[in-house]
Amino acid sequence: MSSSVSKKKISPEVVSPDRAVARLEKAVTAALDQVEQLRSEADRMHTQGEALEGLLKGVTSGKDGPREMIEKLKILEEENRDLRSRLDEGRAGVDRILARVKFLEEKP
């Protein structure tokens, strides 16, 4: 211990700034992709809502019968369940990515 110079060891957890930025960019890109997918799914749900509204107008005007409306309604409900499930999965993915971004931002 006669030497006053100590050698610092770099922890394997230390990430270079370039690598941290690259990881952050990748996480943000993935988050943006998920957001775009969610927007697309929301647009589809909106379109389906408009279709349902059209069906209802058709029945109330006497243009379509109740059986046709029920069949179309069942199809739309099934599609809505699928879309809701996909939206939930997308939101969970965005939450995970945002958590990773936050983690990367907090790293020194």
PDB file of N, CA and C in Angstrom:
ATOM      1  N   MET A   1       0.810  -1.196   0.000  1.00  0.00           N
ATOM      2  CA  MET A   1       0.000   0.000   0.000  1.00  0.00           C
ATOM      3  C   MET A   1       0.847   1.250   0.000  1.00  0.00           C
ATOM      4  N   SER A   2       2.005   1.169  -0.523  1.00  0.00           N
ATOM      5  CA  SER A   2       2.862   2.328  -0.561  1.00  0.00           C
ATOM      6  C   SER A   2       2.487   3.275  -1.680  1.00  0.00           C
ATOM      7  N   SER A   3       1.713   2.794  -2.612  1.00  0.00           N
ATOM      8  CA  SER A   3       1.321   3.634  -3.727  1.00  0.00           C
ATOM      9  C   SER A   3       0.074   4.428  -3.361  1.00  0.00           C
ATOM     10  N   SER A   4       0.091   5.726  -3.633  1.00  0.00           N
ATOM     11  CA  SER A   4      -1.068   6.562  -3.347  1.00  0.00           C
ATOM     12  C   SER A   4      -2.042   6.605  -4.516  1.00  0.00           C
ATOM     13  N   VAL A   5      -1.655   5.997  -5.609  1.00  0.00           N
ATOM     14  CA  VAL A   5      -2.511   5.972  -6.792  1.00  0.00           C
ATOM     15  C   VAL A   5      -3.350   4.705  -6.736  1.00  0.00           C
ATOM     16  N   SER A   6      -4.661   4.881  -6.771  1.00  0.00           N
ATOM     17  CA  SER A   6      -5.532   3.709  -6.764  1.00  0.00           C
ATOM     18  C   SER A   6      -6.087   3.502  -8.158  1.00  0.00           C
ATOM     19  N   LYS A   7      -6.242   2.267  -8.498  1.00  0.00           N
ATOM     20  CA  LYS A   7      -6.798   1.953  -9.804  1.00  0.00           C
ATOM     21  C   LYS A   7      -8.301   1.776  -9.663  1.00  0.00           C
ATOM     22  N   LYS A   8      -9.034   2.468 -10.489  1.00  0.00           N
ATOM     23  CA  LYS A   8     -10.489   2.338 -10.487  1.00  0.00           C
ATOM     24  C   LYS A   8     -10.874   1.212 -11.423  1.00  0.00           C
ATOM     25  N   LYS A   9     -11.742   0.372 -10.927  1.00  0.00           N
ATOM     26  CA  LYS A   9     -12.259  -0.701 -11.772  1.00  0.00           C
ATOM     27  C   LYS A   9     -13.599  -0.256 -12.334  1.00  0.00           C
ATOM     28  N   ILE A  10     -13.790  -0.502 -13.594  1.00  0.00           N
ATOM     29  CA  ILE A  10     -15.053  -0.156 -14.235  1.00  0.00           C
ATOM     30  C   ILE A  10     -16.011  -1.309 -14.029  1.00  0.00           C
ATOM     31  N   SER A  11     -17.128  -0.990 -13.457  1.00  0.00           N
ATOM     32  CA  SER A  11     -18.160  -1.994 -13.202  1.00  0.00           C
ATOM     33  C   SER A  11     -18.738  -2.466 -14.527  1.00  0.00           C
ATOM     34  N   PRO A  12     -19.066  -3.751 -14.642  1.00  0.00           N
ATOM     35  CA  PRO A  12     -19.650  -4.229 -15.900  1.00  0.00           C
ATOM     36  C   PRO A  12     -21.018  -3.604 -16.195  1.00  0.00           C
ATOM     37  N   GLU A  13     -21.614  -2.954 -15.214  1.00  0.00           N
ATOM     38  CA  GLU A  13     -22.927  -2.332 -15.403  1.00  0.00           C
ATOM     39  C   GLU A  13     -22.815  -0.957 -16.044  1.00  0.00           C
ATOM     40  N   VAL A  14     -21.633  -0.391 -16.066  1.00  0.00           N
ATOM     41  CA  VAL A  14     -21.439   0.937 -16.642  1.00  0.00           C
ATOM     42  C   VAL A  14     -21.561   0.826 -18.155  1.00  0.00           C
ATOM     43  N   VAL A  15     -22.373   1.695 -18.719  1.00  0.00           N
ATOM     44  CA  VAL A  15     -22.615   1.695 -20.158  1.00  0.00           C
ATOM     45  C   VAL A  15     -22.045   2.983 -20.723  1.00  0.00           C
ATOM     46  N   SER A  16     -21.392   2.862 -21.847  1.00  0.00           N
ATOM     47  CA  SER A  16     -20.824   4.050 -22.467  1.00  0.00           C
ATOM     48  C   SER A  16     -21.952   4.992 -22.887  1.00  0.00           C
ATOM     49  N   PRO A  17     -21.650   6.286 -22.925  1.00  0.00           N
ATOM     50  CA  PRO A  17     -22.689   7.241 -23.342  1.00  0.00           C
ATOM     51  C   PRO A  17     -23.246   6.938 -24.733  1.00  0.00           C
ATOM     52  N   ASP A  18     -22.370   6.547 -25.660  1.00  0.00           N
ATOM     53  CA  ASP A  18     -22.842   6.234 -27.016  1.00  0.00           C
ATOM     54  C   ASP A  18     -23.802   5.062 -27.005  1.00  0.00           C
ATOM     55  N   ARG A  19     -23.456   4.048 -26.232  1.00  0.00           N
ATOM     56  CA  ARG A  19     -24.338   2.874 -26.156  1.00  0.00           C
ATOM     57  C   ARG A  19     -25.651   3.230 -25.457  1.00  0.00           C
ATOM     58  N   ALA A  20     -25.577   4.036 -24.409  1.00  0.00           N
ATOM     59  CA  ALA A  20     -26.796   4.446 -23.700  1.00  0.00           C
ATOM     60  C   ALA A  20     -27.717   5.235 -24.630  1.00  0.00           C
ATOM     61  N   VAL A  21     -27.127   6.127 -25.417  1.00  0.00           N
ATOM     62  CA  VAL A  21     -27.918   6.914 -26.373  1.00  0.00           C
ATOM     63  C   VAL A  21     -28.538   5.990 -27.418  1.00  0.00           C
ATOM     64  N   ALA A  22     -27.768   5.028 -27.896  1.00  0.00           N
ATOM     65  CA  ALA A  22     -28.290   4.091 -28.895  1.00  0.00           C
ATOM     66  C   ALA A  22     -29.447   3.277 -28.316  1.00  0.00           C
ATOM     67  N   ARG A  23     -29.296   2.844 -27.069  1.00  0.00           N
ATOM     68  CA  ARG A  23     -30.377   2.086 -26.420  1.00  0.00           C
ATOM     69  C   ARG A  23     -31.607   2.964 -26.216  1.00  0.00           C
ATOM     70  N   LEU A  24     -31.367   4.208 -25.837  1.00  0.00           N
ATOM     71  CA  LEU A  24     -32.468   5.142 -25.641  1.00  0.00           C
ATOM     72  C   LEU A  24     -33.196   5.406 -26.957  1.00  0.00           C
ATOM     73  N   GLU A  25     -32.423   5.612 -28.026  1.00  0.00           N
ATOM     74  CA  GLU A  25     -33.032   5.842 -29.341  1.00  0.00           C
ATOM     75  C   GLU A  25     -33.865   4.630 -29.767  1.00  0.00           C
ATOM     76  N   LYS A  26     -33.336   3.446 -29.523  1.00  0.00           N
ATOM     77  CA  LYS A  26     -34.064   2.223 -29.872  1.00  0.00           C
ATOM     78  C   LYS A  26     -35.361   2.120 -29.069  1.00  0.00           C
ATOM     79  N   ALA A  27     -35.296   2.435 -27.783  1.00  0.00           N
ATOM     80  CA  ALA A  27     -36.482   2.374 -26.931  1.00  0.00           C
ATOM     81  C   ALA A  27     -37.524   3.413 -27.366  1.00  0.00           C
ATOM     82  N   VAL A  28     -37.069   4.615 -27.676  1.00  0.00           N
ATOM     83  CA  VAL A  28     -37.997   5.665 -28.111  1.00  0.00           C
ATOM     84  C   VAL A  28     -38.632   5.298 -29.451  1.00  0.00           C
ATOM     85  N   THR A  29     -37.831   4.752 -30.361  1.00  0.00           N
ATOM     86  CA  THR A  29     -38.371   4.325 -31.657  1.00  0.00           C
ATOM     87  C   THR A  29     -39.436   3.251 -31.459  1.00  0.00           C
ATOM     88  N   ALA A  30     -39.158   2.301 -30.586  1.00  0.00           N
ATOM     89  CA  ALA A  30     -40.141   1.246 -30.310  1.00  0.00           C
ATOM     90  C   ALA A  30     -41.405   1.840 -29.690  1.00  0.00           C
ATOM     91  N   ALA A  31     -41.235   2.806 -28.790  1.00  0.00           N
ATOM     92  CA  ALA A  31     -42.395   3.444 -28.166  1.00  0.00           C
ATOM     93  C   ALA A  31     -43.227   4.179 -29.217  1.00  0.00           C
ATOM     94  N   LEU A  32     -42.563   4.880 -30.115  1.00  0.00           N
ATOM     95  CA  LEU A  32     -43.283   5.600 -31.171  1.00  0.00           C
ATOM     96  C   LEU A  32     -44.013   4.631 -32.097  1.00  0.00           C
ATOM     97  N   ASP A  33     -43.381   3.496 -32.391  1.00  0.00           N
ATOM     98  CA  ASP A  33     -44.049   2.480 -33.212  1.00  0.00           C
ATOM     99  C   ASP A  33     -45.306   1.965 -32.516  1.00  0.00           C
ATOM    100  N   GLN A  34     -45.205   1.732 -31.210  1.00  0.00           N
ATOM    101  CA  GLN A  34     -46.360   1.253 -30.444  1.00  0.00           C
ATOM    102  C   GLN A  34     -47.468   2.310 -30.429  1.00  0.00           C
ATOM    103  N   VAL A  35     -47.084   3.570 -30.267  1.00  0.00           N
ATOM    104  CA  VAL A  35     -48.074   4.649 -30.259  1.00  0.00           C
ATOM    105  C   VAL A  35     -48.786   4.720 -31.612  1.00  0.00           C
ATOM    106  N   GLU A  36     -48.027   4.589 -32.682  1.00  0.00           N
ATOM    107  CA  GLU A  36     -48.626   4.613 -34.017  1.00  0.00           C
ATOM    108  C   GLU A  36     -49.584   3.444 -34.200  1.00  0.00           C
ATOM    109  N   GLN A  37     -49.195   2.286 -33.689  1.00  0.00           N
ATOM    110  CA  GLN A  37     -50.078   1.121 -33.776  1.00  0.00           C
ATOM    111  C   GLN A  37     -51.362   1.373 -32.979  1.00  0.00           C
ATOM    112  N   LEU A  38     -51.238   1.962 -31.805  1.00  0.00           N
ATOM    113  CA  LEU A  38     -52.421   2.273 -30.996  1.00  0.00           C
ATOM    114  C   LEU A  38     -53.325   3.275 -31.711  1.00  0.00           C
ATOM    115  N   ARG A  39     -52.722   4.255 -32.351  1.00  0.00           N
ATOM    116  CA  ARG A  39     -53.521   5.230 -33.107  1.00  0.00           C
ATOM    117  C   ARG A  39     -54.285   4.543 -34.233  1.00  0.00           C
ATOM    118  N   SER A  40     -53.611   3.651 -34.917  1.00  0.00           N
ATOM    119  CA  SER A  40     -54.246   2.912 -36.003  1.00  0.00           C
ATOM    120  C   SER A  40     -55.414   2.080 -35.487  1.00  0.00           C
ATOM    121  N   GLU A  41     -55.197   1.419 -34.361  1.00  0.00           N
ATOM    122  CA  GLU A  41     -56.267   0.602 -33.774  1.00  0.00           C
ATOM    123  C   GLU A  41     -57.434   1.498 -33.339  1.00  0.00           C
ATOM    124  N   ALA A  42     -57.133   2.654 -32.777  1.00  0.00           N
ATOM    125  CA  ALA A  42     -58.192   3.579 -32.358  1.00  0.00           C
ATOM    126  C   ALA A  42     -58.992   4.062 -33.569  1.00  0.00           C
ATOM    127  N   ASP A  43     -58.295   4.322 -34.669  1.00  0.00           N
ATOM    128  CA  ASP A  43     -58.984   4.734 -35.891  1.00  0.00           C
ATOM    129  C   ASP A  43     -59.922   3.634 -36.386  1.00  0.00           C
ATOM    130  N   ARG A  44     -59.450   2.396 -36.316  1.00  0.00           N
ATOM    131  CA  ARG A  44     -60.300   1.273 -36.731  1.00  0.00           C
ATOM    132  C   ARG A  44     -61.523   1.165 -35.834  1.00  0.00           C
ATOM    133  N   MET A  45     -61.339   1.363 -34.531  1.00  0.00           N
ATOM    134  CA  MET A  45     -62.478   1.306 -33.608  1.00  0.00           C
ATOM    135  C   MET A  45     -63.476   2.424 -33.933  1.00  0.00           C
ATOM    136  N   HIS A  46     -62.956   3.587 -34.261  1.00  0.00           N
ATOM    137  CA  HIS A  46     -63.827   4.704 -34.616  1.00  0.00           C
ATOM    138  C   HIS A  46     -64.629   4.379 -35.878  1.00  0.00           C
ATOM    139  N   THR A  47     -63.952   3.799 -36.848  1.00  0.00           N
ATOM    140  CA  THR A  47     -64.616   3.412 -38.095  1.00  0.00           C
ATOM    141  C   THR A  47     -65.708   2.384 -37.816  1.00  0.00           C
ATOM    142  N   GLN A  48     -65.413   1.446 -36.935  1.00  0.00           N
ATOM    143  CA  GLN A  48     -66.420   0.441 -36.587  1.00  0.00           C
ATOM    144  C   GLN A  48     -67.602   1.073 -35.865  1.00  0.00           C
ATOM    145  N   GLY A  49     -67.318   2.054 -35.030  1.00  0.00           N
ATOM    146  CA  GLY A  49     -68.404   2.763 -34.347  1.00  0.00           C
ATOM    147  C   GLY A  49     -69.311   3.466 -35.351  1.00  0.00           C
ATOM    148  N   GLU A  50     -68.702   4.047 -36.360  1.00  0.00           N
ATOM    149  CA  GLU A  50     -69.500   4.698 -37.397  1.00  0.00           C
ATOM    150  C   GLU A  50     -70.337   3.669 -38.168  1.00  0.00           C
ATOM    151  N   ALA A  51     -69.741   2.497 -38.396  1.00  0.00           N
ATOM    152  CA  ALA A  51     -70.484   1.436 -39.087  1.00  0.00           C
ATOM    153  C   ALA A  51     -71.670   0.987 -38.249  1.00  0.00           C
ATOM    154  N   LEU A  52     -71.465   0.876 -36.963  1.00  0.00           N
ATOM    155  CA  LEU A  52     -72.551   0.494 -36.074  1.00  0.00           C
ATOM    156  C   LEU A  52     -73.652   1.554 -36.075  1.00  0.00           C
ATOM    157  N   GLU A  53     -73.244   2.787 -36.078  1.00  0.00           N
ATOM    158  CA  GLU A  53     -74.217   3.891 -36.143  1.00  0.00           C
ATOM    159  C   GLU A  53     -75.024   3.813 -37.441  1.00  0.00           C
ATOM    160  N   GLY A  54     -74.349   3.479 -38.537  1.00  0.00           N
ATOM    161  CA  GLY A  54     -75.038   3.321 -39.822  1.00  0.00           C
ATOM    162  C   GLY A  54     -76.027   2.171 -39.785  1.00  0.00           C
ATOM    163  N   LEU A  55     -75.633   1.088 -39.117  1.00  0.00           N
ATOM    164  CA  LEU A  55     -76.551  -0.050 -38.979  1.00  0.00           C
ATOM    165  C   LEU A  55     -77.795   0.353 -38.202  1.00  0.00           C
ATOM    166  N   LEU A  56     -77.580   1.055 -37.124  1.00  0.00           N
ATOM    167  CA  LEU A  56     -78.706   1.489 -36.306  1.00  0.00           C
ATOM    168  C   LEU A  56     -79.641   2.400 -37.099  1.00  0.00           C
ATOM    169  N   LYS A  57     -79.078   3.308 -37.874  1.00  0.00           N
ATOM    170  CA  LYS A  57     -79.909   4.181 -38.711  1.00  0.00           C
ATOM    171  C   LYS A  57     -80.675   3.364 -39.750  1.00  0.00           C
ATOM    172  N   GLY A  58     -80.012   2.322 -40.297  1.00  0.00           N
ATOM    173  CA  GLY A  58     -80.677   1.469 -41.281  1.00  0.00           C
ATOM    174  C   GLY A  58     -81.872   0.744 -40.695  1.00  0.00           C
ATOM    175  N   VAL A  59     -81.729   0.273 -39.459  1.00  0.00           N
ATOM    176  CA  VAL A  59     -82.842  -0.447 -38.816  1.00  0.00           C
ATOM    177  C   VAL A  59     -83.959   0.522 -38.461  1.00  0.00           C
ATOM    178  N   THR A  60     -83.597   1.662 -37.900  1.00  0.00           N
ATOM    179  CA  THR A  60     -84.636   2.605 -37.492  1.00  0.00           C
ATOM    180  C   THR A  60     -85.367   3.204 -38.687  1.00  0.00           C
ATOM    181  N   SER A  61     -84.703   3.257 -39.829  1.00  0.00           N
ATOM    182  CA  SER A  61     -85.362   3.794 -41.021  1.00  0.00           C
ATOM    183  C   SER A  61     -86.150   2.718 -41.768  1.00  0.00           C
ATOM    184  N   GLY A  62     -85.968   1.461 -41.354  1.00  0.00           N
ATOM    185  CA  GLY A  62     -86.670   0.366 -42.023  1.00  0.00           C
ATOM    186  C   GLY A  62     -85.906  -0.199 -43.206  1.00  0.00           C
ATOM    187  N   LYS A  63     -84.729   0.337 -43.479  1.00  0.00           N
ATOM    188  CA  LYS A  63     -83.931  -0.125 -44.612  1.00  0.00           C
ATOM    189  C   LYS A  63     -83.422  -1.552 -44.381  1.00  0.00           C
ATOM    190  N   ASP A  64     -82.895  -1.820 -43.191  1.00  0.00           N
ATOM    191  CA  ASP A  64     -82.386  -3.145 -42.837  1.00  0.00           C
ATOM    192  C   ASP A  64     -83.291  -3.748 -41.762  1.00  0.00           C
ATOM    193  N   GLY A  65     -83.324  -5.066 -41.743  1.00  0.00           N
ATOM    194  CA  GLY A  65     -84.103  -5.755 -40.732  1.00  0.00           C
ATOM    195  C   GLY A  65     -83.292  -6.023 -39.485  1.00  0.00           C
ATOM    196  N   PRO A  66     -83.983  -6.365 -38.404  1.00  0.00           N
ATOM    197  CA  PRO A  66     -83.294  -6.631 -37.141  1.00  0.00           C
ATOM    198  C   PRO A  66     -82.303  -7.796 -37.226  1.00  0.00           C
ATOM    199  N   ARG A  67     -82.633  -8.817 -38.019  1.00  0.00           N
ATOM    200  CA  ARG A  67     -81.717  -9.963 -38.124  1.00  0.00           C
ATOM    201  C   ARG A  67     -80.385  -9.555 -38.748  1.00  0.00           C
ATOM    202  N   GLU A  68     -80.446  -8.767 -39.789  1.00  0.00           N
ATOM    203  CA  GLU A  68     -79.213  -8.307 -40.426  1.00  0.00           C
ATOM    204  C   GLU A  68     -78.387  -7.472 -39.453  1.00  0.00           C
ATOM    205  N   MET A  69     -79.090  -6.632 -38.700  1.00  0.00           N
ATOM    206  CA  MET A  69     -78.388  -5.795 -37.736  1.00  0.00           C
ATOM    207  C   MET A  69     -77.745  -6.654 -36.656  1.00  0.00           C
ATOM    208  N   ILE A  70     -78.439  -7.664 -36.167  1.00  0.00           N
ATOM    209  CA  ILE A  70     -77.885  -8.520 -35.120  1.00  0.00           C
ATOM    210  C   ILE A  70     -76.645  -9.250 -35.630  1.00  0.00           C
ATOM    211  N   GLU A  71     -76.696  -9.756 -36.853  1.00  0.00           N
ATOM    212  CA  GLU A  71     -75.543 -10.448 -37.418  1.00  0.00           C
ATOM    213  C   GLU A  71     -74.347  -9.497 -37.559  1.00  0.00           C
ATOM    214  N   LYS A  72     -74.608  -8.320 -38.090  1.00  0.00           N
ATOM    215  CA  LYS A  72     -73.527  -7.348 -38.258  1.00  0.00           C
ATOM    216  C   LYS A  72     -73.016  -6.874 -36.895  1.00  0.00           C
ATOM    217  N   LEU A  73     -73.926  -6.731 -35.943  1.00  0.00           N
ATOM    218  CA  LEU A  73     -73.552  -6.297 -34.600  1.00  0.00           C
ATOM    219  C   LEU A  73     -72.641  -7.331 -33.935  1.00  0.00           C
ATOM    220  N   LYS A  74     -72.950  -8.608 -34.103  1.00  0.00           N
ATOM    221  CA  LYS A  74     -72.111  -9.657 -33.527  1.00  0.00           C
ATOM    222  C   LYS A  74     -70.702  -9.604 -34.114  1.00  0.00           C
ATOM    223  N   ILE A  75     -70.625  -9.392 -35.413  1.00  0.00           N
ATOM    224  CA  ILE A  75     -69.316  -9.288 -36.069  1.00  0.00           C
ATOM    225  C   ILE A  75     -68.541  -8.089 -35.523  1.00  0.00           C
ATOM    226  N   LEU A  76     -69.216  -6.950 -35.415  1.00  0.00           N
ATOM    227  CA  LEU A  76     -68.553  -5.752 -34.901  1.00  0.00           C
ATOM    228  C   LEU A  76     -68.126  -5.924 -33.449  1.00  0.00           C
ATOM    229  N   GLU A  77     -68.953  -6.571 -32.636  1.00  0.00           N
ATOM    230  CA  GLU A  77     -68.595  -6.789 -31.236  1.00  0.00           C
ATOM    231  C   GLU A  77     -67.353  -7.675 -31.126  1.00  0.00           C
ATOM    232  N   GLU A  78     -67.285  -8.703 -31.962  1.00  0.00           N
ATOM    233  CA  GLU A  78     -66.116  -9.578 -31.954  1.00  0.00           C
ATOM    234  C   GLU A  78     -64.867  -8.798 -32.367  1.00  0.00           C
ATOM    235  N   GLU A  79     -64.992  -7.986 -33.401  1.00  0.00           N
ATOM    236  CA  GLU A  79     -63.858  -7.174 -33.842  1.00  0.00           C
ATOM    237  C   GLU A  79     -63.445  -6.186 -32.754  1.00  0.00           C
ATOM    238  N   ASN A  80     -64.423  -5.608 -32.057  1.00  0.00           N
ATOM    239  CA  ASN A  80     -64.120  -4.664 -30.980  1.00  0.00           C
ATOM    240  C   ASN A  80     -63.384  -5.350 -29.832  1.00  0.00           C
ATOM    241  N   ARG A  81     -63.792  -6.582 -29.487  1.00  0.00           N
ATOM    242  CA  ARG A  81     -63.086  -7.314 -28.437  1.00  0.00           C
ATOM    243  C   ARG A  81     -61.630  -7.537 -28.838  1.00  0.00           C
ATOM    244  N   ASP A  82     -61.445  -7.926 -30.096  1.00  0.00           N
ATOM    245  CA  ASP A  82     -60.086  -8.146 -30.588  1.00  0.00           C
ATOM    246  C   ASP A  82     -59.284  -6.845 -30.545  1.00  0.00           C
ATOM    247  N   LEU A  83     -59.887  -5.759 -30.996  1.00  0.00           N
ATOM    248  CA  LEU A  83     -59.185  -4.471 -30.998  1.00  0.00           C
ATOM    249  C   LEU A  83     -58.862  -4.006 -29.587  1.00  0.00           C
ATOM    250  N   ARG A  84     -59.796  -4.184 -28.667  1.00  0.00           N
ATOM    251  CA  ARG A  84     -59.537  -3.782 -27.276  1.00  0.00           C
ATOM    252  C   ARG A  84     -58.369  -4.575 -26.697  1.00  0.00           C
ATOM    253  N   SER A  85     -58.354  -5.849 -26.992  1.00  0.00           N
ATOM    254  CA  SER A  85     -57.261  -6.705 -26.518  1.00  0.00           C
ATOM    255  C   SER A  85     -55.936  -6.222 -27.097  1.00  0.00           C
ATOM    256  N   ARG A  86     -55.930  -5.923 -28.380  1.00  0.00           N
ATOM    257  CA  ARG A  86     -54.706  -5.456 -29.015  1.00  0.00           C
ATOM    258  C   ARG A  86     -54.287  -4.087 -28.481  1.00  0.00           C
ATOM    259  N   LEU A  87     -55.263  -3.223 -28.207  1.00  0.00           N
ATOM    260  CA  LEU A  87     -54.942  -1.917 -27.622  1.00  0.00           C
ATOM    261  C   LEU A  87     -54.335  -2.090 -26.238  1.00  0.00           C
ATOM    262  N   ASP A  88     -54.907  -2.992 -25.431  1.00  0.00           N
ATOM    263  CA  ASP A  88     -54.366  -3.243 -24.097  1.00  0.00           C
ATOM    264  C   ASP A  88     -52.931  -3.758 -24.187  1.00  0.00           C
ATOM    265  N   GLU A  89     -52.683  -4.672 -25.116  1.00  0.00           N
ATOM    266  CA  GLU A  89     -51.327  -5.187 -25.309  1.00  0.00           C
ATOM    267  C   GLU A  89     -50.385  -4.065 -25.748  1.00  0.00           C
ATOM    268  N   GLY A  90     -50.873  -3.214 -26.650  1.00  0.00           N
ATOM    269  CA  GLY A  90     -50.051  -2.091 -27.115  1.00  0.00           C
ATOM    270  C   GLY A  90     -49.725  -1.118 -25.994  1.00  0.00           C
ATOM    271  N   ARG A  91     -50.727  -0.829 -25.163  1.00  0.00           N
ATOM    272  CA  ARG A  91     -50.499   0.078 -24.036  1.00  0.00           C
ATOM    273  C   ARG A  91     -49.482  -0.513 -23.070  1.00  0.00           C
ATOM    274  N   ALA A  92     -49.610  -1.807 -22.812  1.00  0.00           N
ATOM    275  CA  ALA A  92     -48.659  -2.467 -21.918  1.00  0.00           C
ATOM    276  C   ALA A  92     -47.251  -2.392 -22.505  1.00  0.00           C
ATOM    277  N   GLY A  93     -47.146  -2.579 -23.810  1.00  0.00           N
ATOM    278  CA  GLY A  93     -45.840  -2.477 -24.463  1.00  0.00           C
ATOM    279  C   GLY A  93     -45.266  -1.078 -24.352  1.00  0.00           C
ATOM    280  N   VAL A  94     -46.100  -0.072 -24.564  1.00  0.00           N
ATOM    281  CA  VAL A  94     -45.641   1.316 -24.444  1.00  0.00           C
ATOM    282  C   VAL A  94     -45.218   1.598 -23.006  1.00  0.00           C
ATOM    283  N   ASP A  95     -45.981   1.096 -22.040  1.00  0.00           N
ATOM    284  CA  ASP A  95     -45.610   1.292 -20.632  1.00  0.00           C
ATOM    285  C   ASP A  95     -44.247   0.672 -20.325  1.00  0.00           C
ATOM    286  N   ARG A  96     -44.010  -0.538 -20.844  1.00  0.00           N
ATOM    287  CA  ARG A  96     -42.712  -1.189 -20.625  1.00  0.00           C
ATOM    288  C   ARG A  96     -41.589  -0.374 -21.253  1.00  0.00           C
ATOM    289  N   ILE A  97     -41.816   0.111 -22.466  1.00  0.00           N
ATOM    290  CA  ILE A  97     -40.778   0.886 -23.159  1.00  0.00           C
ATOM    291  C   ILE A  97     -40.522   2.195 -22.421  1.00  0.00           C
ATOM    292  N   LEU A  98     -41.581   2.860 -21.982  1.00  0.00           N
ATOM    293  CA  LEU A  98     -41.397   4.108 -21.243  1.00  0.00           C
ATOM    294  C   LEU A  98     -40.652   3.868 -19.932  1.00  0.00           C
ATOM    295  N   ALA A  99     -40.911   2.738 -19.294  1.00  0.00           N
ATOM    296  CA  ALA A  99     -40.182   2.404 -18.065  1.00  0.00           C
ATOM    297  C   ALA A  99     -38.696   2.219 -18.375  1.00  0.00           C
ATOM    298  N   ARG A 100     -38.397   1.568 -19.504  1.00  0.00           N
ATOM    299  CA  ARG A 100     -36.997   1.396 -19.906  1.00  0.00           C
ATOM    300  C   ARG A 100     -36.346   2.734 -20.208  1.00  0.00           C
ATOM    301  N   VAL A 101     -37.084   3.614 -20.885  1.00  0.00           N
ATOM    302  CA  VAL A 101     -36.547   4.947 -21.200  1.00  0.00           C
ATOM    303  C   VAL A 101     -36.249   5.687 -19.904  1.00  0.00           C
ATOM    304  N   LYS A 102     -37.177   5.637 -18.968  1.00  0.00           N
ATOM    305  CA  LYS A 102     -36.983   6.316 -17.685  1.00  0.00           C
ATOM    306  C   LYS A 102     -35.770   5.746 -16.972  1.00  0.00           C
ATOM    307  N   PHE A 103     -35.632   4.420 -16.998  1.00  0.00           N
ATOM    308  CA  PHE A 103     -34.482   3.776 -16.373  1.00  0.00           C
ATOM    309  C   PHE A 103     -33.184   4.251 -17.023  1.00  0.00           C
ATOM    310  N   LEU A 104     -33.160   4.300 -18.348  1.00  0.00           N
ATOM    311  CA  LEU A 104     -31.954   4.739 -19.051  1.00  0.00           C
ATOM    312  C   LEU A 104     -31.645   6.206 -18.771  1.00  0.00           C
ATOM    313  N   GLU A 105     -32.689   7.016 -18.644  1.00  0.00           N
ATOM    314  CA  GLU A 105     -32.472   8.432 -18.357  1.00  0.00           C
ATOM    315  C   GLU A 105     -31.888   8.633 -16.968  1.00  0.00           C
ATOM    316  N   GLU A 106     -32.262   7.771 -16.037  1.00  0.00           N
ATOM    317  CA  GLU A 106     -31.807   7.932 -14.652  1.00  0.00           C
ATOM    318  C   GLU A 106     -30.403   7.381 -14.430  1.00  0.00           C
ATOM    319  N   LYS A 107     -29.914   6.586 -15.377  1.00  0.00           N
ATOM    320  CA  LYS A 107     -28.554   6.045 -15.236  1.00  0.00           C
ATOM    321  C   LYS A 107     -27.544   7.162 -15.397  1.00  0.00           C
ATOM    322  N   PRO A 108     -26.461   7.090 -14.631  1.00  0.00           N
ATOM    323  CA  PRO A 108     -25.426   8.151 -14.736  1.00  0.00           C
ATOM    324  C   PRO A 108     -24.682   8.077 -16.037  1.00  0.00           C
TER     325      PRO A 108
END
